[in-house]
């Protein structure tokens, strides 16, 4: 099982999408995480929702060099 940030091309693309005007207004990571861990007692019988990780989607993505090509 790999995290999205473990993919060297997909992680910058994800940050690039997030930084597109209007997209960040539609992304709610805490709501998604709470929903994922709270939806099924079989998956998470104790109802524990992890605090982290804190993800910085506004970090530089470095994809501007692709537009120069």
N, C-alpha and C. Protein backbone atom coordinates (compact mmCIF):
# COMPACT_ATOMS: atom_id res chain seq x y z
N UNK A 1 0.85 -1.18 0.00
CA UNK A 1 0.00 0.00 0.00
C UNK A 1 0.89 1.23 0.00
N UNK A 2 0.70 2.10 -0.98
CA UNK A 2 1.52 3.30 -1.09
C UNK A 2 0.65 4.54 -0.97
N UNK A 3 1.25 5.58 -0.41
CA UNK A 3 0.55 6.86 -0.31
C UNK A 3 0.70 7.61 -1.63
N UNK A 4 -0.18 8.55 -1.89
CA UNK A 4 -0.10 9.31 -3.13
C UNK A 4 1.21 10.08 -3.22
N UNK A 5 1.74 10.50 -2.09
CA UNK A 5 3.00 11.25 -2.15
C UNK A 5 4.20 10.34 -2.38
N UNK A 6 4.00 9.03 -2.42
CA UNK A 6 5.07 8.10 -2.76
C UNK A 6 5.26 7.96 -4.27
N UNK A 7 4.39 8.58 -5.05
CA UNK A 7 4.49 8.54 -6.50
C UNK A 7 5.08 9.87 -6.98
N UNK A 8 6.30 9.86 -7.54
CA UNK A 8 6.99 11.11 -7.84
C UNK A 8 6.32 11.99 -8.90
N UNK A 9 5.48 11.44 -9.74
CA UNK A 9 4.77 12.26 -10.73
C UNK A 9 3.35 12.60 -10.28
N UNK A 10 2.71 11.69 -9.60
CA UNK A 10 1.33 11.89 -9.19
C UNK A 10 1.18 12.91 -8.06
N UNK A 11 2.12 12.92 -7.12
CA UNK A 11 2.03 13.85 -5.99
C UNK A 11 2.16 15.30 -6.44
N UNK A 12 3.14 15.68 -7.31
CA UNK A 12 3.17 17.06 -7.79
C UNK A 12 1.91 17.42 -8.60
N UNK A 13 1.40 16.48 -9.38
CA UNK A 13 0.18 16.73 -10.15
C UNK A 13 -1.01 17.00 -9.22
N UNK A 14 -1.10 16.25 -8.13
CA UNK A 14 -2.16 16.46 -7.16
C UNK A 14 -2.08 17.86 -6.56
N UNK A 15 -0.88 18.30 -6.19
CA UNK A 15 -0.72 19.65 -5.64
C UNK A 15 -1.03 20.71 -6.69
N UNK A 16 -0.66 20.44 -7.94
CA UNK A 16 -0.96 21.37 -9.03
C UNK A 16 -2.47 21.52 -9.19
N UNK A 17 -3.19 20.41 -9.19
CA UNK A 17 -4.66 20.48 -9.28
C UNK A 17 -5.26 21.26 -8.13
N UNK A 18 -4.79 20.99 -6.93
CA UNK A 18 -5.30 21.67 -5.74
C UNK A 18 -5.09 23.18 -5.84
N UNK A 19 -3.98 23.59 -6.44
CA UNK A 19 -3.66 25.01 -6.54
C UNK A 19 -4.36 25.70 -7.71
N UNK A 20 -5.11 24.96 -8.51
CA UNK A 20 -5.91 25.56 -9.57
C UNK A 20 -7.00 26.40 -8.92
N UNK A 21 -7.18 27.66 -9.39
CA UNK A 21 -8.19 28.53 -8.77
C UNK A 21 -9.56 27.85 -8.65
N UNK A 22 -10.12 27.90 -7.46
CA UNK A 22 -11.44 27.35 -7.18
C UNK A 22 -11.45 25.92 -6.67
N UNK A 23 -10.40 25.16 -6.94
CA UNK A 23 -10.38 23.76 -6.54
C UNK A 23 -10.24 23.62 -5.02
N UNK A 24 -9.34 24.40 -4.42
CA UNK A 24 -9.12 24.27 -2.98
C UNK A 24 -10.38 24.56 -2.17
N UNK A 25 -11.30 25.33 -2.75
CA UNK A 25 -12.57 25.61 -2.06
C UNK A 25 -13.47 24.38 -2.00
N UNK A 26 -13.16 23.37 -2.81
CA UNK A 26 -13.99 22.17 -2.90
C UNK A 26 -13.37 20.95 -2.25
N UNK A 27 -12.20 21.10 -1.63
CA UNK A 27 -11.47 19.97 -1.05
C UNK A 27 -11.49 20.08 0.47
N UNK A 28 -11.95 19.02 1.13
CA UNK A 28 -12.09 19.00 2.59
C UNK A 28 -11.47 17.72 3.16
N UNK A 29 -10.14 17.66 3.25
CA UNK A 29 -9.48 16.42 3.68
C UNK A 29 -9.94 15.88 5.03
N UNK A 30 -10.21 16.75 6.00
CA UNK A 30 -10.65 16.27 7.31
C UNK A 30 -12.00 15.58 7.23
N UNK A 31 -12.89 16.10 6.42
CA UNK A 31 -14.20 15.48 6.26
C UNK A 31 -14.06 14.12 5.58
N UNK A 32 -13.19 14.03 4.57
CA UNK A 32 -12.98 12.76 3.89
C UNK A 32 -12.40 11.72 4.84
N UNK A 33 -11.41 12.15 5.64
CA UNK A 33 -10.76 11.22 6.57
C UNK A 33 -11.76 10.75 7.63
N UNK A 34 -12.53 11.67 8.21
CA UNK A 34 -13.52 11.29 9.22
C UNK A 34 -14.55 10.34 8.63
N UNK A 35 -15.00 10.61 7.42
CA UNK A 35 -15.97 9.74 6.77
C UNK A 35 -15.41 8.36 6.52
N UNK A 36 -14.18 8.29 6.06
CA UNK A 36 -13.55 7.01 5.76
C UNK A 36 -13.44 6.15 7.01
N UNK A 37 -13.01 6.74 8.11
CA UNK A 37 -12.77 5.96 9.33
C UNK A 37 -14.04 5.77 10.17
N UNK A 38 -15.11 6.47 9.86
CA UNK A 38 -16.32 6.38 10.67
C UNK A 38 -17.44 5.59 10.00
N UNK A 39 -17.30 5.27 8.73
CA UNK A 39 -18.42 4.70 7.98
C UNK A 39 -18.70 3.24 8.31
N UNK A 40 -17.71 2.51 8.77
CA UNK A 40 -17.90 1.08 8.97
C UNK A 40 -17.30 0.61 10.30
N UNK A 41 -18.13 -0.02 11.10
CA UNK A 41 -17.63 -0.60 12.35
C UNK A 41 -16.75 -1.81 12.08
N UNK A 42 -16.94 -2.47 10.94
CA UNK A 42 -16.08 -3.59 10.58
C UNK A 42 -14.67 -3.11 10.28
N UNK A 43 -14.57 -1.98 9.60
CA UNK A 43 -13.26 -1.43 9.25
C UNK A 43 -12.58 -0.80 10.45
N UNK A 44 -13.36 -0.18 11.32
CA UNK A 44 -12.79 0.57 12.44
C UNK A 44 -13.70 0.41 13.66
N UNK A 45 -13.68 -0.75 14.32
CA UNK A 45 -14.62 -1.03 15.40
C UNK A 45 -14.49 -0.09 16.60
N UNK A 46 -13.35 0.51 16.83
CA UNK A 46 -13.18 1.42 17.96
C UNK A 46 -13.49 2.87 17.61
N UNK A 47 -13.72 3.15 16.33
CA UNK A 47 -14.05 4.50 15.91
C UNK A 47 -12.90 5.49 16.03
N UNK A 48 -11.68 5.00 15.98
CA UNK A 48 -10.51 5.88 16.12
C UNK A 48 -10.21 6.53 14.77
N UNK A 49 -10.11 7.86 14.78
CA UNK A 49 -9.76 8.63 13.59
C UNK A 49 -8.38 9.24 13.82
N UNK A 50 -7.40 8.92 12.97
CA UNK A 50 -6.06 9.45 13.18
C UNK A 50 -6.01 10.96 13.01
N UNK A 51 -5.10 11.60 13.74
CA UNK A 51 -4.93 13.05 13.64
C UNK A 51 -4.20 13.45 12.36
N UNK A 52 -3.22 12.69 11.97
CA UNK A 52 -2.37 13.10 10.85
C UNK A 52 -2.52 12.18 9.67
N UNK A 53 -1.78 12.40 8.68
CA UNK A 53 -0.75 13.42 8.56
C UNK A 53 -1.35 14.75 8.11
N UNK A 54 -0.64 15.81 8.40
CA UNK A 54 -1.01 17.12 7.88
C UNK A 54 -0.38 17.23 6.49
N UNK A 55 -1.19 17.48 5.50
CA UNK A 55 -0.70 17.52 4.12
C UNK A 55 -0.73 18.96 3.62
N UNK A 56 0.39 19.42 3.10
CA UNK A 56 0.49 20.78 2.58
C UNK A 56 0.29 20.76 1.07
N UNK A 57 -0.95 20.91 0.64
CA UNK A 57 -1.26 20.92 -0.78
C UNK A 57 -0.80 22.21 -1.45
N UNK A 58 -0.48 23.23 -0.66
CA UNK A 58 -0.04 24.50 -1.23
C UNK A 58 1.47 24.56 -1.44
N UNK A 59 2.19 23.49 -1.11
CA UNK A 59 3.64 23.44 -1.33
C UNK A 59 3.93 23.52 -2.83
N UNK A 60 5.07 24.08 -3.21
CA UNK A 60 5.41 24.17 -4.64
C UNK A 60 5.38 22.79 -5.30
N UNK A 61 4.81 22.74 -6.49
CA UNK A 61 4.68 21.46 -7.19
C UNK A 61 5.75 21.27 -8.25
N UNK A 62 6.38 22.34 -8.72
CA UNK A 62 7.46 22.23 -9.69
C UNK A 62 7.02 21.87 -11.10
N UNK A 63 5.73 21.92 -11.36
CA UNK A 63 5.23 21.52 -12.68
C UNK A 63 5.24 22.66 -13.69
N UNK A 64 5.61 23.87 -13.28
CA UNK A 64 5.63 24.99 -14.21
C UNK A 64 6.64 24.78 -15.34
N UNK A 65 7.64 23.94 -15.09
CA UNK A 65 8.62 23.68 -16.15
C UNK A 65 8.00 22.89 -17.31
N UNK A 66 6.89 22.20 -17.06
CA UNK A 66 6.23 21.46 -18.12
C UNK A 66 5.58 22.39 -19.14
N UNK A 67 5.13 23.57 -18.71
CA UNK A 67 4.51 24.52 -19.62
C UNK A 67 5.53 25.13 -20.57
N UNK A 68 6.80 25.13 -20.20
CA UNK A 68 7.84 25.71 -21.04
C UNK A 68 8.20 24.80 -22.21
N UNK A 69 7.84 23.54 -22.11
CA UNK A 69 8.21 22.58 -23.17
C UNK A 69 7.35 22.74 -24.40
